[in-house]
PDB file of all heavy atoms in Angstrom:
ATOM      1  N   THR A   1       3.838   4.618  -6.278  1.00  0.00           N
ATOM      2  CA  THR A   1       3.085   5.837  -5.961  1.00  0.00           C
ATOM      3  C   THR A   1       1.892   6.075  -6.889  1.00  0.00           C
ATOM      4  O   THR A   1       0.936   6.733  -6.495  1.00  0.00           O
ATOM      5  CB  THR A   1       4.001   7.077  -5.987  1.00  0.00           C
ATOM      6  OG1 THR A   1       4.649   7.151  -7.256  1.00  0.00           O
ATOM      7  CG2 THR A   1       5.034   6.997  -4.866  1.00  0.00           C
ATOM      8  N   ASN A   2       1.932   5.548  -8.085  1.00  0.00           N
ATOM      9  CA  ASN A   2       0.814   5.780  -9.012  1.00  0.00           C
ATOM     10  C   ASN A   2      -0.262   4.696  -8.920  1.00  0.00           C
ATOM     11  O   ASN A   2      -1.270   4.766  -9.624  1.00  0.00           O
ATOM     12  CB  ASN A   2       1.317   5.903 -10.450  1.00  0.00           C
ATOM     13  CG  ASN A   2       1.938   4.620 -10.957  1.00  0.00           C
ATOM     14  OD1 ASN A   2       2.551   3.866 -10.205  1.00  0.00           O
ATOM     15  ND2 ASN A   2       1.790   4.376 -12.244  1.00  0.00           N
ATOM     16  N   THR A   3      -0.060   3.699  -8.061  1.00  0.00           N
ATOM     17  CA  THR A   3      -1.064   2.639  -7.921  1.00  0.00           C
ATOM     18  C   THR A   3      -1.734   2.660  -6.555  1.00  0.00           C
ATOM     19  O   THR A   3      -2.456   1.732  -6.203  1.00  0.00           O
ATOM     20  CB  THR A   3      -0.429   1.252  -8.160  1.00  0.00           C
ATOM     21  OG1 THR A   3       0.648   1.060  -7.240  1.00  0.00           O
ATOM     22  CG2 THR A   3       0.059   1.122  -9.593  1.00  0.00           C
ATOM     23  N   ILE A   4      -1.502   3.717  -5.782  1.00  0.00           N
ATOM     24  CA  ILE A   4      -2.148   3.848  -4.469  1.00  0.00           C
ATOM     25  C   ILE A   4      -3.639   4.063  -4.676  1.00  0.00           C
ATOM     26  O   ILE A   4      -4.059   4.862  -5.507  1.00  0.00           O
ATOM     27  CB  ILE A   4      -1.537   5.024  -3.681  1.00  0.00           C
ATOM     28  CG1 ILE A   4      -0.084   4.717  -3.330  1.00  0.00           C
ATOM     29  CG2 ILE A   4      -2.362   5.327  -2.431  1.00  0.00           C
ATOM     30  CD1 ILE A   4       0.675   5.887  -2.739  1.00  0.00           C
ATOM     31  N   ASN A   5      -4.429   3.328  -3.913  1.00  0.00           N
ATOM     32  CA  ASN A   5      -5.883   3.439  -3.983  1.00  0.00           C
ATOM     33  C   ASN A   5      -6.386   3.818  -2.603  1.00  0.00           C
ATOM     34  O   ASN A   5      -6.230   3.052  -1.655  1.00  0.00           O
ATOM     35  CB  ASN A   5      -6.478   2.104  -4.438  1.00  0.00           C
ATOM     36  CG  ASN A   5      -7.953   2.202  -4.731  1.00  0.00           C
ATOM     37  OD1 ASN A   5      -8.623   3.132  -4.323  1.00  0.00           O
ATOM     38  ND2 ASN A   5      -8.459   1.207  -5.436  1.00  0.00           N
ATOM     39  N   ARG A   6      -6.983   5.006  -2.474  1.00  0.00           N
ATOM     40  CA  ARG A   6      -7.461   5.502  -1.176  1.00  0.00           C
ATOM     41  C   ARG A   6      -8.960   5.603  -1.147  1.00  0.00           C
ATOM     42  O   ARG A   6      -9.587   6.006  -2.110  1.00  0.00           O
ATOM     43  CB  ARG A   6      -6.892   6.878  -0.902  1.00  0.00           C
ATOM     44  CG  ARG A   6      -5.541   6.853  -0.271  1.00  0.00           C
ATOM     45  CD  ARG A   6      -5.199   8.229   0.228  1.00  0.00           C
ATOM     46  NE  ARG A   6      -5.552   8.293   1.622  1.00  0.00           N
ATOM     47  CZ  ARG A   6      -4.733   8.709   2.563  1.00  0.00           C
ATOM     48  NH1 ARG A   6      -3.545   9.135   2.237  1.00  0.00           N
ATOM     49  NH2 ARG A   6      -5.091   8.736   3.812  1.00  0.00           N
ATOM     50  N   GLN A   7      -9.520   5.266   0.008  1.00  0.00           N
ATOM     51  CA  GLN A   7     -10.939   5.432   0.293  1.00  0.00           C
ATOM     52  C   GLN A   7     -11.004   5.952   1.733  1.00  0.00           C
ATOM     53  O   GLN A   7     -11.033   5.169   2.671  1.00  0.00           O
ATOM     54  CB  GLN A   7     -11.669   4.089   0.148  1.00  0.00           C
ATOM     55  CG  GLN A   7     -13.144   4.143   0.365  1.00  0.00           C
ATOM     56  CD  GLN A   7     -13.864   4.652  -0.869  1.00  0.00           C
ATOM     57  OE1 GLN A   7     -13.358   4.539  -1.973  1.00  0.00           O
ATOM     58  NE2 GLN A   7     -15.024   5.208  -0.681  1.00  0.00           N
ATOM     59  N   GLY A   8     -10.946   7.272   1.903  1.00  0.00           N
ATOM     60  CA  GLY A   8     -10.871   7.850   3.242  1.00  0.00           C
ATOM     61  C   GLY A   8      -9.542   7.486   3.885  1.00  0.00           C
ATOM     62  O   GLY A   8      -8.485   7.698   3.313  1.00  0.00           O
ATOM     63  N   ALA A   9      -9.599   6.884   5.072  1.00  0.00           N
ATOM     64  CA  ALA A   9      -8.381   6.480   5.777  1.00  0.00           C
ATOM     65  C   ALA A   9      -7.854   5.139   5.276  1.00  0.00           C
ATOM     66  O   ALA A   9      -6.723   4.764   5.545  1.00  0.00           O
ATOM     67  CB  ALA A   9      -8.643   6.388   7.279  1.00  0.00           C
ATOM     68  N   ARG A  10      -8.648   4.416   4.519  1.00  0.00           N
ATOM     69  CA  ARG A  10      -8.263   3.094   4.007  1.00  0.00           C
ATOM     70  C   ARG A  10      -7.432   3.255   2.733  1.00  0.00           C
ATOM     71  O   ARG A  10      -7.705   4.119   1.907  1.00  0.00           O
ATOM     72  CB  ARG A  10      -9.494   2.262   3.698  1.00  0.00           C
ATOM     73  CG  ARG A  10     -10.472   2.223   4.839  1.00  0.00           C
ATOM     74  CD  ARG A  10     -10.383   0.958   5.574  1.00  0.00           C
ATOM     75  NE  ARG A  10     -11.401   0.912   6.608  1.00  0.00           N
ATOM     76  CZ  ARG A  10     -11.175   0.428   7.803  1.00  0.00           C
ATOM     77  NH1 ARG A  10      -9.992  -0.027   8.109  1.00  0.00           N
ATOM     78  NH2 ARG A  10     -12.134   0.387   8.691  1.00  0.00           N
ATOM     79  N   ILE A  11      -6.436   2.376   2.596  1.00  0.00           N
ATOM     80  CA  ILE A  11      -5.510   2.502   1.478  1.00  0.00           C
ATOM     81  C   ILE A  11      -5.030   1.114   1.044  1.00  0.00           C
ATOM     82  O   ILE A  11      -4.887   0.225   1.872  1.00  0.00           O
ATOM     83  CB  ILE A  11      -4.303   3.388   1.898  1.00  0.00           C
ATOM     84  CG1 ILE A  11      -3.382   3.718   0.741  1.00  0.00           C
ATOM     85  CG2 ILE A  11      -3.545   2.790   3.057  1.00  0.00           C
ATOM     86  CD1 ILE A  11      -2.316   4.757   1.082  1.00  0.00           C
ATOM     87  N   THR A  12      -4.844   0.926  -0.253  1.00  0.00           N
ATOM     88  CA  THR A  12      -4.139  -0.257  -0.760  1.00  0.00           C
ATOM     89  C   THR A  12      -2.972   0.269  -1.592  1.00  0.00           C
ATOM     90  O   THR A  12      -3.095   1.289  -2.273  1.00  0.00           O
ATOM     91  CB  THR A  12      -5.030  -1.175  -1.626  1.00  0.00           C
ATOM     92  OG1 THR A  12      -5.558  -0.442  -2.713  1.00  0.00           O
ATOM     93  CG2 THR A  12      -6.157  -1.780  -0.817  1.00  0.00           C
ATOM     94  N   PHE A  13      -1.841  -0.436  -1.507  1.00  0.00           N
ATOM     95  CA  PHE A  13      -0.661   0.051  -2.220  1.00  0.00           C
ATOM     96  C   PHE A  13       0.341  -1.079  -2.457  1.00  0.00           C
ATOM     97  O   PHE A  13       0.394  -2.052  -1.722  1.00  0.00           O
ATOM     98  CB  PHE A  13       0.002   1.209  -1.463  1.00  0.00           C
ATOM     99  CG  PHE A  13       0.420   0.890  -0.060  1.00  0.00           C
ATOM    100  CD1 PHE A  13       1.738   0.578   0.223  1.00  0.00           C
ATOM    101  CD2 PHE A  13      -0.497   0.918   0.988  1.00  0.00           C
ATOM    102  CE1 PHE A  13       2.141   0.288   1.515  1.00  0.00           C
ATOM    103  CE2 PHE A  13      -0.109   0.637   2.284  1.00  0.00           C
ATOM    104  CZ  PHE A  13       1.211   0.326   2.553  1.00  0.00           C
ATOM    105  N   ASP A  14       1.116  -0.916  -3.522  1.00  0.00           N
ATOM    106  CA  ASP A  14       2.156  -1.863  -3.916  1.00  0.00           C
ATOM    107  C   ASP A  14       3.464  -1.516  -3.217  1.00  0.00           C
ATOM    108  O   ASP A  14       3.810  -0.336  -3.100  1.00  0.00           O
ATOM    109  CB  ASP A  14       2.415  -1.769  -5.426  1.00  0.00           C
ATOM    110  CG  ASP A  14       1.230  -2.212  -6.250  1.00  0.00           C
ATOM    111  OD1 ASP A  14       0.750  -3.331  -6.032  1.00  0.00           O
ATOM    112  OD2 ASP A  14       0.794  -1.428  -7.114  1.00  0.00           O
ATOM    113  N   VAL A  15       4.197  -2.548  -2.808  1.00  0.00           N
ATOM    114  CA  VAL A  15       5.509  -2.367  -2.187  1.00  0.00           C
ATOM    115  C   VAL A  15       6.491  -3.328  -2.842  1.00  0.00           C
ATOM    116  O   VAL A  15       6.165  -4.483  -3.111  1.00  0.00           O
ATOM    117  CB  VAL A  15       5.450  -2.645  -0.665  1.00  0.00           C
ATOM    118  CG1 VAL A  15       6.841  -2.678  -0.049  1.00  0.00           C
ATOM    119  CG2 VAL A  15       4.585  -1.605   0.024  1.00  0.00           C
ATOM    120  N   ARG A  16       7.687  -2.817  -3.113  1.00  0.00           N
ATOM    121  CA  ARG A  16       8.811  -3.659  -3.538  1.00  0.00           C
ATOM    122  C   ARG A  16       9.846  -3.571  -2.437  1.00  0.00           C
ATOM    123  O   ARG A  16      10.321  -2.492  -2.101  1.00  0.00           O
ATOM    124  CB  ARG A  16       9.411  -3.151  -4.845  1.00  0.00           C
ATOM    125  CG  ARG A  16      10.358  -4.200  -5.453  1.00  0.00           C
ATOM    126  CD  ARG A  16      11.254  -3.593  -6.477  1.00  0.00           C
ATOM    127  NE  ARG A  16      12.499  -3.234  -5.766  1.00  0.00           N
ATOM    128  CZ  ARG A  16      13.469  -2.545  -6.300  1.00  0.00           C
ATOM    129  NH1 ARG A  16      13.376  -2.076  -7.503  1.00  0.00           N
ATOM    130  NH2 ARG A  16      14.557  -2.292  -5.609  1.00  0.00           N
ATOM    131  N   THR A  17      10.183  -4.708  -1.839  1.00  0.00           N
ATOM    132  CA  THR A  17      11.140  -4.706  -0.733  1.00  0.00           C
ATOM    133  C   THR A  17      12.559  -4.572  -1.261  1.00  0.00           C
ATOM    134  O   THR A  17      12.798  -4.664  -2.467  1.00  0.00           O
ATOM    135  CB  THR A  17      11.032  -5.999   0.105  1.00  0.00           C
ATOM    136  OG1 THR A  17      11.525  -7.096  -0.675  1.00  0.00           O
ATOM    137  CG2 THR A  17       9.599  -6.264   0.548  1.00  0.00           C
ATOM    138  N   ASN A  18      13.498  -4.415  -0.342  1.00  0.00           N
ATOM    139  CA  ASN A  18      14.899  -4.291  -0.743  1.00  0.00           C
ATOM    140  C   ASN A  18      15.422  -5.572  -1.387  1.00  0.00           C
ATOM    141  O   ASN A  18      16.407  -5.545  -2.099  1.00  0.00           O
ATOM    142  CB  ASN A  18      15.768  -3.914   0.456  1.00  0.00           C
ATOM    143  CG  ASN A  18      15.811  -5.010   1.502  1.00  0.00           C
ATOM    144  OD1 ASN A  18      14.776  -5.556   1.890  1.00  0.00           O
ATOM    145  ND2 ASN A  18      16.991  -5.326   1.962  1.00  0.00           N
ATOM    146  N   SER A  19      14.748  -6.692  -1.182  1.00  0.00           N
ATOM    147  CA  SER A  19      15.167  -7.953  -1.807  1.00  0.00           C
ATOM    148  C   SER A  19      14.326  -8.278  -3.044  1.00  0.00           C
ATOM    149  O   SER A  19      14.258  -9.413  -3.477  1.00  0.00           O
ATOM    150  CB  SER A  19      15.088  -9.096  -0.794  1.00  0.00           C
ATOM    151  OG  SER A  19      13.774  -9.221  -0.305  1.00  0.00           O
ATOM    152  N   LYS A  20      13.682  -7.253  -3.600  1.00  0.00           N
ATOM    153  CA  LYS A  20      12.887  -7.353  -4.824  1.00  0.00           C
ATOM    154  C   LYS A  20      11.652  -8.250  -4.669  1.00  0.00           C
ATOM    155  O   LYS A  20      11.159  -8.820  -5.630  1.00  0.00           O
ATOM    156  CB  LYS A  20      13.738  -7.809  -6.004  1.00  0.00           C
ATOM    157  CG  LYS A  20      14.997  -6.984  -6.174  1.00  0.00           C
ATOM    158  CD  LYS A  20      15.102  -6.316  -7.482  1.00  0.00           C
ATOM    159  CE  LYS A  20      16.366  -5.544  -7.724  1.00  0.00           C
ATOM    160  NZ  LYS A  20      16.981  -4.838  -6.658  1.00  0.00           N
ATOM    161  N   GLN A  21      11.169  -8.377  -3.439  1.00  0.00           N
ATOM    162  CA  GLN A  21       9.914  -9.081  -3.198  1.00  0.00           C
ATOM    163  C   GLN A  21       8.777  -8.082  -3.352  1.00  0.00           C
ATOM    164  O   GLN A  21       8.939  -6.893  -3.073  1.00  0.00           O
ATOM    165  CB  GLN A  21       9.883  -9.697  -1.798  1.00  0.00           C
ATOM    166  CG  GLN A  21      10.893 -10.803  -1.611  1.00  0.00           C
ATOM    167  CD  GLN A  21      10.659 -11.963  -2.569  1.00  0.00           C
ATOM    168  OE1 GLN A  21       9.587 -12.522  -2.625  1.00  0.00           O
ATOM    169  NE2 GLN A  21      11.674 -12.286  -3.351  1.00  0.00           N
ATOM    170  N   TYR A  22       7.626  -8.565  -3.777  1.00  0.00           N
ATOM    171  CA  TYR A  22       6.446  -7.727  -3.982  1.00  0.00           C
ATOM    172  C   TYR A  22       5.418  -8.033  -2.902  1.00  0.00           C
ATOM    173  O   TYR A  22       5.192  -9.192  -2.565  1.00  0.00           O
ATOM    174  CB  TYR A  22       5.834  -8.018  -5.354  1.00  0.00           C
ATOM    175  CG  TYR A  22       4.452  -7.440  -5.521  1.00  0.00           C
ATOM    176  CD1 TYR A  22       4.283  -6.088  -5.774  1.00  0.00           C
ATOM    177  CD2 TYR A  22       3.323  -8.242  -5.411  1.00  0.00           C
ATOM    178  CE1 TYR A  22       3.011  -5.546  -5.917  1.00  0.00           C
ATOM    179  CE2 TYR A  22       2.052  -7.704  -5.555  1.00  0.00           C
ATOM    180  CZ  TYR A  22       1.908  -6.363  -5.804  1.00  0.00           C
ATOM    181  OH  TYR A  22       0.658  -5.823  -5.933  1.00  0.00           O
ATOM    182  N   VAL A  23       4.793  -6.966  -2.354  1.00  0.00           N
ATOM    183  CA  VAL A  23       3.696  -7.126  -1.401  1.00  0.00           C
ATOM    184  C   VAL A  23       2.618  -6.107  -1.750  1.00  0.00           C
ATOM    185  O   VAL A  23       2.918  -4.936  -1.986  1.00  0.00           O
ATOM    186  CB  VAL A  23       4.143  -6.899   0.063  1.00  0.00           C
ATOM    187  CG1 VAL A  23       2.983  -7.159   1.019  1.00  0.00           C
ATOM    188  CG2 VAL A  23       5.332  -7.755   0.422  1.00  0.00           C
ATOM    189  N   LEU A  24       1.379  -6.566  -1.800  1.00  0.00           N
ATOM    190  CA  LEU A  24       0.230  -5.669  -1.921  1.00  0.00           C
ATOM    191  C   LEU A  24      -0.361  -5.571  -0.530  1.00  0.00           C
ATOM    192  O   LEU A  24      -0.765  -6.580   0.062  1.00  0.00           O
ATOM    193  CB  LEU A  24      -0.807  -6.230  -2.901  1.00  0.00           C
ATOM    194  CG  LEU A  24      -2.131  -5.457  -2.961  1.00  0.00           C
ATOM    195  CD1 LEU A  24      -1.911  -4.020  -3.435  1.00  0.00           C
ATOM    196  CD2 LEU A  24      -3.117  -6.180  -3.873  1.00  0.00           C
ATOM    197  N   TYR A  25      -0.354  -4.357   0.027  1.00  0.00           N
ATOM    198  CA  TYR A  25      -0.887  -4.123   1.359  1.00  0.00           C
ATOM    199  C   TYR A  25      -2.226  -3.400   1.293  1.00  0.00           C
ATOM    200  O   TYR A  25      -2.459  -2.582   0.402  1.00  0.00           O
ATOM    201  CB  TYR A  25       0.054  -3.223   2.178  1.00  0.00           C
ATOM    202  CG  TYR A  25       1.291  -3.892   2.696  1.00  0.00           C
ATOM    203  CD1 TYR A  25       2.539  -3.547   2.201  1.00  0.00           C
ATOM    204  CD2 TYR A  25       1.230  -4.839   3.716  1.00  0.00           C
ATOM    205  CE1 TYR A  25       3.698  -4.133   2.690  1.00  0.00           C
ATOM    206  CE2 TYR A  25       2.385  -5.430   4.211  1.00  0.00           C
ATOM    207  CZ  TYR A  25       3.601  -5.072   3.700  1.00  0.00           C
ATOM    208  OH  TYR A  25       4.746  -5.656   4.181  1.00  0.00           O
ATOM    209  N   SER A  26      -3.038  -3.681   2.282  1.00  0.00           N
ATOM    210  CA  SER A  26      -4.220  -2.893   2.592  1.00  0.00           C
ATOM    211  C   SER A  26      -3.957  -2.363   3.991  1.00  0.00           C
ATOM    212  O   SER A  26      -3.410  -3.080   4.835  1.00  0.00           O
ATOM    213  CB  SER A  26      -5.474  -3.765   2.578  1.00  0.00           C
ATOM    214  OG  SER A  26      -6.589  -3.016   3.008  1.00  0.00           O
ATOM    215  N   ALA A  27      -4.311  -1.116   4.261  1.00  0.00           N
ATOM    216  CA  ALA A  27      -4.011  -0.539   5.572  1.00  0.00           C
ATOM    217  C   ALA A  27      -5.000   0.565   5.909  1.00  0.00           C
ATOM    218  O   ALA A  27      -5.781   1.011   5.067  1.00  0.00           O
ATOM    219  CB  ALA A  27      -2.588   0.013   5.587  1.00  0.00           C
ATOM    220  N   ASN A  28      -4.933   0.998   7.152  1.00  0.00           N
ATOM    221  CA  ASN A  28      -5.723   2.127   7.618  1.00  0.00           C
ATOM    222  C   ASN A  28      -4.736   3.190   8.073  1.00  0.00           C
ATOM    223  O   ASN A  28      -3.934   2.947   8.982  1.00  0.00           O
ATOM    224  CB  ASN A  28      -6.641   1.696   8.766  1.00  0.00           C
ATOM    225  CG  ASN A  28      -7.553   2.809   9.213  1.00  0.00           C
ATOM    226  OD1 ASN A  28      -7.106   3.909   9.523  1.00  0.00           O
ATOM    227  ND2 ASN A  28      -8.839   2.516   9.251  1.00  0.00           N
ATOM    228  N   CYS A  29      -4.782   4.357   7.435  1.00  0.00           N
ATOM    229  CA  CYS A  29      -3.832   5.425   7.731  1.00  0.00           C
ATOM    230  C   CYS A  29      -4.069   6.059   9.104  1.00  0.00           C
ATOM    231  O   CYS A  29      -3.174   6.724   9.623  1.00  0.00           O
ATOM    232  CB  CYS A  29      -3.874   6.489   6.639  1.00  0.00           C
ATOM    233  SG  CYS A  29      -3.241   5.910   5.048  1.00  0.00           S
ATOM    234  N   GLN A  30      -5.241   5.862   9.692  1.00  0.00           N
ATOM    235  CA  GLN A  30      -5.505   6.405  11.028  1.00  0.00           C
ATOM    236  C   GLN A  30      -5.127   5.430  12.125  1.00  0.00           C
ATOM    237  O   GLN A  30      -4.437   5.798  13.067  1.00  0.00           O
ATOM    238  CB  GLN A  30      -6.973   6.804  11.165  1.00  0.00           C
ATOM    239  CG  GLN A  30      -7.330   8.023  10.343  1.00  0.00           C
ATOM    240  CD  GLN A  30      -8.784   8.391  10.480  1.00  0.00           C
ATOM    241  OE1 GLN A  30      -9.649   7.571  10.762  1.00  0.00           O
ATOM    242  NE2 GLN A  30      -9.071   9.669  10.265  1.00  0.00           N
ATOM    243  N   THR A  31      -5.550   4.179  12.005  1.00  0.00           N
ATOM    244  CA  THR A  31      -5.254   3.196  13.053  1.00  0.00           C
ATOM    245  C   THR A  31      -3.864   2.607  12.907  1.00  0.00           C
ATOM    246  O   THR A  31      -3.366   1.985  13.826  1.00  0.00           O
ATOM    247  CB  THR A  31      -6.279   2.047  13.046  1.00  0.00           C
ATOM    248  OG1 THR A  31      -6.162   1.315  11.813  1.00  0.00           O
ATOM    249  CG2 THR A  31      -7.695   2.565  13.227  1.00  0.00           C
TER     250      THR A  31
END
């Protein structure tokens, strides 16, 4: 939650899965 980077509807954020895998996502909160 402290590494979320927002630019309007665009966002990048860190995820740790239930199996302790790491994913850095980029996404659009509107689309």
